[in-house]
Protein backbone atom coordinates (compact mmCIF):
# COMPACT_ATOMS: atom_id res chain seq x y z
CA UNK A 1 32.15 118.63 292.26
CA UNK A 2 31.32 121.36 294.83
CA UNK A 3 28.94 121.01 297.64
CA UNK A 4 27.14 124.31 296.72
CA UNK A 5 26.90 124.29 293.46
CA UNK A 6 25.17 120.44 293.83
CA UNK A 7 23.12 122.17 296.66
CA UNK A 8 21.72 124.95 294.67
CA UNK A 9 21.30 122.69 291.48
CA UNK A 10 19.04 120.71 293.83
CA UNK A 11 17.05 124.19 295.36
CA UNK A 12 16.30 125.33 291.39
CA UNK A 13 14.98 121.66 291.09
CA UNK A 14 17.95 120.06 289.21
CA UNK A 15 19.77 117.01 290.21
CA UNK A 16 23.46 116.40 289.29
CA UNK A 17 24.20 112.43 287.76
CA UNK A 18 25.47 111.82 291.31
CA UNK A 19 22.17 112.60 292.85
CA UNK A 20 20.46 110.69 290.44
CA UNK A 21 22.31 107.77 291.05
CA UNK A 22 22.06 107.92 294.26
CA UNK A 23 17.92 108.68 294.05
CA UNK A 24 17.34 106.33 291.66
CA UNK A 25 20.09 103.68 292.10
CA UNK A 26 20.77 103.33 288.25
CA UNK A 27 24.64 103.39 287.56
CA UNK A 28 26.59 106.24 285.73
CA UNK A 29 26.77 104.25 283.00
CA UNK A 30 23.26 103.74 282.50
CA UNK A 31 22.39 107.34 282.88
CA UNK A 32 25.85 107.94 280.02
CA UNK A 33 23.98 105.22 277.74
CA UNK A 34 20.28 106.54 278.15
CA UNK A 35 21.37 109.94 277.55
CA UNK A 36 23.59 108.96 274.38
CA UNK A 37 20.39 107.61 273.30
CA UNK A 38 17.93 109.95 273.65
CA UNK A 39 15.96 107.85 276.12
CA UNK A 40 16.50 110.30 278.71
CA UNK A 41 18.32 113.11 277.45
CA UNK A 42 18.92 115.93 280.27
CA UNK A 43 20.99 119.13 279.06
CA UNK A 44 24.42 119.68 280.35
CA UNK A 45 25.61 122.80 282.27
CA UNK A 46 29.12 123.00 283.24
CA UNK A 47 29.79 119.76 282.25
CA UNK A 48 27.57 118.46 284.79
CA UNK A 49 24.20 116.46 283.53
CA UNK A 50 21.41 118.18 284.85
CA UNK A 51 18.26 115.97 285.36
CA UNK A 52 14.73 118.07 285.91
CA UNK A 53 12.37 116.12 288.06
CA UNK A 54 10.21 114.58 285.53
CA UNK A 55 13.70 113.10 284.02
CA UNK A 56 14.25 111.53 287.42
CA UNK A 57 10.83 109.93 287.76
CA UNK A 58 11.42 108.84 284.49
CA UNK A 59 15.13 107.05 285.55
CA UNK A 60 13.07 105.60 288.29
CA UNK A 61 10.81 104.24 286.15
CA UNK A 62 12.94 102.73 284.07
CA UNK A 63 15.21 101.00 286.93
CA UNK A 64 11.91 99.67 288.69
CA UNK A 65 10.40 98.17 285.20
CA UNK A 66 13.79 97.10 283.95
CA UNK A 67 13.74 95.25 287.36
CA UNK A 68 10.56 93.35 287.15
CA UNK A 69 12.58 92.00 283.29
CA UNK A 70 9.99 94.60 280.91
CA UNK A 71 12.25 94.88 277.64
CA UNK A 72 14.11 97.98 277.29
CA UNK A 73 12.14 98.24 273.95
CA UNK A 74 8.94 98.34 276.04
CA UNK A 75 10.36 100.21 278.46
CA UNK A 76 11.00 103.12 275.93
CA UNK A 77 7.38 103.09 275.03
CA UNK A 78 5.89 103.58 278.67
CA UNK A 79 7.85 106.66 278.59
CA UNK A 80 6.90 107.81 275.40
CA UNK A 81 3.33 107.02 276.60
CA UNK A 82 3.46 108.88 279.83
CA UNK A 83 5.42 112.09 277.87
CA UNK A 84 2.64 111.97 275.92
CA UNK A 85 0.24 112.26 278.81
CA UNK A 86 1.59 115.10 280.03
CA UNK A 87 3.57 113.26 282.54
CA UNK A 88 5.66 116.86 284.07
CA UNK A 89 2.09 118.63 284.39
CA UNK A 90 1.13 115.49 286.45
CA UNK A 91 3.86 115.41 288.07
CA UNK A 92 4.04 119.03 289.41
CA UNK A 93 0.46 118.88 290.67
CA UNK A 94 1.61 115.61 292.22
CA UNK A 95 4.71 117.69 294.08
CA UNK A 96 2.76 120.38 294.68
CA UNK A 97 -0.66 119.48 296.43
CA UNK A 98 0.21 116.16 297.46
CA UNK A 99 -1.89 114.16 295.54
CA UNK A 100 -1.66 110.14 294.57
CA UNK A 101 -0.67 109.41 291.39
CA UNK A 102 -0.54 105.98 289.68
CA UNK A 103 1.06 104.70 286.44
CA UNK A 104 -0.38 101.28 285.28
CA UNK A 105 0.83 99.41 282.92
CA UNK A 106 1.55 96.19 280.88
CA UNK A 107 4.89 96.90 279.70
CA UNK A 108 3.74 98.16 276.54
CA UNK A 109 1.01 100.74 277.06
CA UNK A 110 0.35 102.93 280.27
CA UNK A 111 -2.17 105.08 281.78
CA UNK A 112 -1.94 107.67 285.20
CA UNK A 113 -4.56 107.29 287.57
CA UNK A 114 -5.05 109.31 290.51
CA UNK A 115 -7.27 106.92 292.31
CA UNK A 116 -5.67 103.60 294.04
CA UNK A 117 -9.07 101.76 294.03
CA UNK A 118 -8.95 102.38 290.07
CA UNK A 119 -5.40 101.21 289.44
CA UNK A 120 -6.24 98.16 291.48
CA UNK A 121 -9.32 97.41 289.65
CA UNK A 122 -7.20 97.03 286.41
CA UNK A 123 -4.62 94.82 288.32
CA UNK A 124 -7.47 92.49 288.97
CA UNK A 125 -9.54 92.59 285.53
CA UNK A 126 -6.28 92.16 283.40
CA UNK A 127 -5.19 88.84 282.20
CA UNK A 128 -2.30 89.88 281.18
CA UNK A 129 0.80 90.88 283.72
CA UNK A 130 0.71 94.21 284.48
CA UNK A 131 2.52 96.69 287.03
CA UNK A 132 1.81 99.51 289.23
CA UNK A 133 4.02 102.48 290.38
CA UNK A 134 3.15 105.18 292.36
CA UNK A 135 4.59 107.91 290.88
CA UNK A 136 3.64 110.16 293.92
CA UNK A 137 6.02 108.21 295.82
CA UNK A 138 8.65 109.41 293.76
CA UNK A 139 7.28 112.93 293.82
CA UNK A 140 7.39 113.02 297.85
CA UNK A 141 10.92 111.44 297.75
CA UNK A 142 12.17 114.37 295.52
CA UNK A 143 10.36 116.86 297.29
CA UNK A 144 11.98 115.93 300.75
CA UNK A 145 14.98 115.79 298.82
CA UNK A 146 14.67 119.49 297.89
CA UNK A 147 13.27 120.62 301.19
CA UNK A 148 16.37 118.98 303.29
CA UNK A 149 19.04 120.27 300.52
CA UNK A 150 17.36 123.80 301.19
CA UNK A 151 17.34 123.65 305.10
CA UNK A 152 19.62 121.45 305.87
């Protein structure tokens, strides 16, 4: 895979599988399996899977929730829920203006919150196990990678 091709893809906001693996820690086998089973299924261009920002964040969610021992079936529920709540629009806004964005989930249902205090309040009030994932941190990671690749 050519370095120029990878840099051009990243500058356009697309990340080839090797870059996604490096960013997220997901193995090639995980990425392949998730694509095959249409859990996170990016388009293929010139024999490369090219993930957009939202797909990379979805892989980050999956890795984080699996690390916390959430069942894969529940992780896919969280992804479907985040898609219904327009993760793509929320993520673009967070990347554009640096807003905070948190995903609060019990592993089955999830919601996005812009207020950290509100996310923490939900954690405290719930009787069952809950997780908070800071989506804006993921967005910042992608934004800084894009800037680094663009300006070297």
